[in-house]
């Protein structure tokens, strides 16, 4: 009879930390696109807050992903998917870090002279970052649902669930 593994394993921290920044960054990107069309302060301000918050979150997700990598890499069949997932996660994090840096510099008044070009750059980078984020998420889902990365696979008779 096998035992159920403890829930709070190292590889569990990554899926727990990745979904918040994923949703926040995509929502922030949608809001910044809306703000470019509608030109209302609410959409602009909300998009900036969400994009900066999501950027901090994505670096936490990368940290926990690196922790999970040390456990998961030894158990999956095709580690190239994991490598691509990790590489793309860094690309996404750096794209949104550039976006957040522009937002913070603008907030403190360092970039006031190039306002229109700045807005276009933020929209374009956010859309590119969101596309890359969605693809990175797809790779993560591929790891979980096709290779059972970080997932406990029950025994055939599910004996670990009986008392």
Protein backbone atom coordinates (compact mmCIF):
# COMPACT_ATOMS: atom_id res chain seq x y z
CA UNK A 1 0.00 0.00 0.00
CA UNK A 2 1.41 3.39 -1.01
CA UNK A 3 0.93 6.64 0.88
CA UNK A 4 -0.32 9.95 -0.41
CA UNK A 5 2.51 12.48 -0.61
CA UNK A 6 2.30 15.59 1.51
CA UNK A 7 0.47 18.41 -0.29
CA UNK A 8 2.96 21.19 0.53
CA UNK A 9 5.77 19.79 -1.61
CA UNK A 10 8.33 22.06 -3.30
CA UNK A 11 6.83 21.57 -6.77
CA UNK A 12 3.37 22.68 -5.58
CA UNK A 13 4.46 26.26 -4.84
CA UNK A 14 4.82 27.08 -8.54
CA UNK A 15 1.20 26.43 -9.63
CA UNK A 16 0.03 28.20 -6.48
CA UNK A 17 2.03 31.33 -7.33
CA UNK A 18 1.75 31.47 -11.12
CA UNK A 19 -1.98 31.98 -11.68
CA UNK A 20 -2.28 35.33 -9.91
CA UNK A 21 0.32 37.18 -12.04
CA UNK A 22 -0.92 35.42 -15.17
CA UNK A 23 -4.45 36.77 -14.70
CA UNK A 24 -3.27 40.19 -13.49
CA UNK A 25 -0.87 40.72 -16.42
CA UNK A 26 -3.43 39.73 -19.04
CA UNK A 27 -6.07 41.93 -17.40
CA UNK A 28 -3.58 44.82 -17.16
CA UNK A 29 -2.76 44.39 -20.86
CA UNK A 30 -6.45 44.46 -21.77
CA UNK A 31 -6.93 47.58 -19.63
CA UNK A 32 -3.97 49.38 -21.22
CA UNK A 33 -5.39 48.59 -24.67
CA UNK A 34 -8.78 49.95 -23.58
CA UNK A 35 -7.09 53.05 -22.15
CA UNK A 36 -5.40 53.71 -25.49
CA UNK A 37 -8.81 53.63 -27.20
CA UNK A 38 -11.08 55.26 -24.62
CA UNK A 39 -8.52 57.64 -23.05
CA UNK A 40 -9.98 57.68 -19.54
CA UNK A 41 -7.76 57.97 -16.48
CA UNK A 42 -9.46 55.02 -14.76
CA UNK A 43 -8.34 52.54 -17.43
CA UNK A 44 -4.84 54.02 -17.59
CA UNK A 45 -4.34 54.05 -13.83
CA UNK A 46 -5.77 50.55 -13.31
CA UNK A 47 -3.68 49.09 -16.14
CA UNK A 48 -0.50 50.53 -14.67
CA UNK A 49 -1.24 49.23 -11.17
CA UNK A 50 -2.09 45.77 -12.51
CA UNK A 51 0.97 45.58 -14.77
CA UNK A 52 3.39 46.53 -11.98
CA UNK A 53 1.73 44.13 -9.50
CA UNK A 54 1.76 41.34 -12.08
CA UNK A 55 5.43 41.94 -12.83
CA UNK A 56 6.37 41.45 -9.18
CA UNK A 57 4.21 38.32 -9.16
CA UNK A 58 5.80 36.85 -12.27
CA UNK A 59 9.26 37.03 -10.70
CA UNK A 60 7.89 35.14 -7.69
CA UNK A 61 6.43 32.57 -10.09
CA UNK A 62 9.83 32.20 -11.78
CA UNK A 63 11.49 31.69 -8.41
CA UNK A 64 9.02 28.97 -7.43
CA UNK A 65 9.32 27.49 -10.93
CA UNK A 66 13.06 27.16 -10.44
CA UNK A 67 12.40 25.37 -7.15
CA UNK A 68 9.97 23.01 -8.89
CA UNK A 69 12.41 22.43 -11.74
CA UNK A 70 14.84 20.63 -9.46
CA UNK A 71 12.11 18.11 -8.56
CA UNK A 72 10.14 17.84 -11.80
CA UNK A 73 12.99 17.69 -14.34
CA UNK A 74 13.98 14.20 -13.16
CA UNK A 75 10.45 12.80 -13.50
CA UNK A 76 9.21 13.97 -16.91
CA UNK A 77 9.67 12.23 -20.24
CA UNK A 78 10.51 15.24 -22.43
CA UNK A 79 12.60 17.85 -20.58
CA UNK A 80 12.84 20.06 -23.69
CA UNK A 81 9.27 21.27 -23.02
CA UNK A 82 10.36 22.27 -19.51
CA UNK A 83 13.38 24.13 -20.89
CA UNK A 84 11.23 25.99 -23.43
CA UNK A 85 8.67 26.82 -20.72
CA UNK A 86 11.42 28.22 -18.50
CA UNK A 87 13.08 30.22 -21.30
CA UNK A 88 9.77 31.74 -22.35
CA UNK A 89 8.92 32.60 -18.74
CA UNK A 90 12.09 34.67 -18.53
CA UNK A 91 11.24 36.42 -21.81
CA UNK A 92 7.77 37.26 -20.48
CA UNK A 93 9.18 38.48 -17.17
CA UNK A 94 11.69 40.76 -18.89
CA UNK A 95 9.07 42.17 -21.28
CA UNK A 96 6.78 43.06 -18.39
CA UNK A 97 9.76 44.33 -16.36
CA UNK A 98 10.46 46.80 -19.17
CA UNK A 99 6.78 47.80 -19.15
CA UNK A 100 6.85 48.28 -15.37
CA UNK A 101 10.09 50.25 -15.52
CA UNK A 102 8.55 52.63 -18.07
CA UNK A 103 5.43 52.98 -15.89
CA UNK A 104 7.48 53.71 -12.76
CA UNK A 105 9.79 56.17 -14.54
CA UNK A 106 6.76 57.93 -16.00
CA UNK A 107 5.10 58.04 -12.57
CA UNK A 108 8.12 59.82 -11.10
CA UNK A 109 8.23 62.27 -14.02
CA UNK A 110 11.30 61.07 -15.86
CA UNK A 111 9.54 60.34 -19.17
CA UNK A 112 7.02 63.17 -19.63
CA UNK A 113 8.29 64.46 -22.99
CA UNK A 114 7.53 61.30 -25.01
CA UNK A 115 3.99 60.65 -23.77
CA UNK A 116 2.38 59.39 -27.03
CA UNK A 117 5.28 57.17 -28.05
CA UNK A 118 5.39 55.88 -24.49
CA UNK A 119 1.72 54.90 -24.56
CA UNK A 120 2.17 53.07 -27.88
CA UNK A 121 5.25 51.26 -26.52
CA UNK A 122 3.36 50.17 -23.42
CA UNK A 123 0.42 48.85 -25.44
CA UNK A 124 2.63 47.00 -27.93
CA UNK A 125 4.90 45.49 -25.27
CA UNK A 126 1.90 44.47 -23.15
CA UNK A 127 0.23 42.74 -26.10
CA UNK A 128 3.46 40.96 -27.08
CA UNK A 129 4.06 40.02 -23.43
CA UNK A 130 0.52 38.67 -23.07
CA UNK A 131 0.87 36.56 -26.20
CA UNK A 132 4.15 35.15 -24.91
CA UNK A 133 2.54 34.63 -21.49
CA UNK A 134 -0.32 32.63 -22.99
CA UNK A 135 2.12 30.44 -24.92
CA UNK A 136 4.23 29.94 -21.79
CA UNK A 137 1.09 28.93 -19.90
CA UNK A 138 0.27 26.48 -22.68
CA UNK A 139 3.70 24.91 -22.25
CA UNK A 140 3.14 24.69 -18.49
CA UNK A 141 -0.22 23.00 -19.05
CA UNK A 142 1.47 20.59 -21.46
CA UNK A 143 3.95 19.68 -18.74
CA UNK A 144 1.20 19.03 -16.22
CA UNK A 145 -1.44 17.34 -18.37
CA UNK A 146 0.77 15.36 -20.75
CA UNK A 147 3.75 14.55 -18.54
CA UNK A 148 2.23 14.79 -15.02
CA UNK A 149 4.87 17.30 -13.94
CA UNK A 150 4.50 17.94 -10.22
CA UNK A 151 1.43 15.72 -10.05
CA UNK A 152 0.94 12.68 -7.86
CA UNK A 153 -0.24 9.83 -10.07
CA UNK A 154 -2.37 7.44 -7.98
CA UNK A 155 -1.77 3.71 -8.02
CA UNK A 156 -4.04 1.60 -10.22
CA UNK A 157 -6.16 0.47 -7.30
CA UNK A 158 -6.11 3.91 -5.57
CA UNK A 159 -5.11 2.16 -2.37
CA UNK A 160 -3.49 5.30 -0.97
CA UNK A 161 -6.98 6.86 -0.64
CA UNK A 162 -8.39 4.14 1.60
CA UNK A 163 -7.91 4.07 5.34
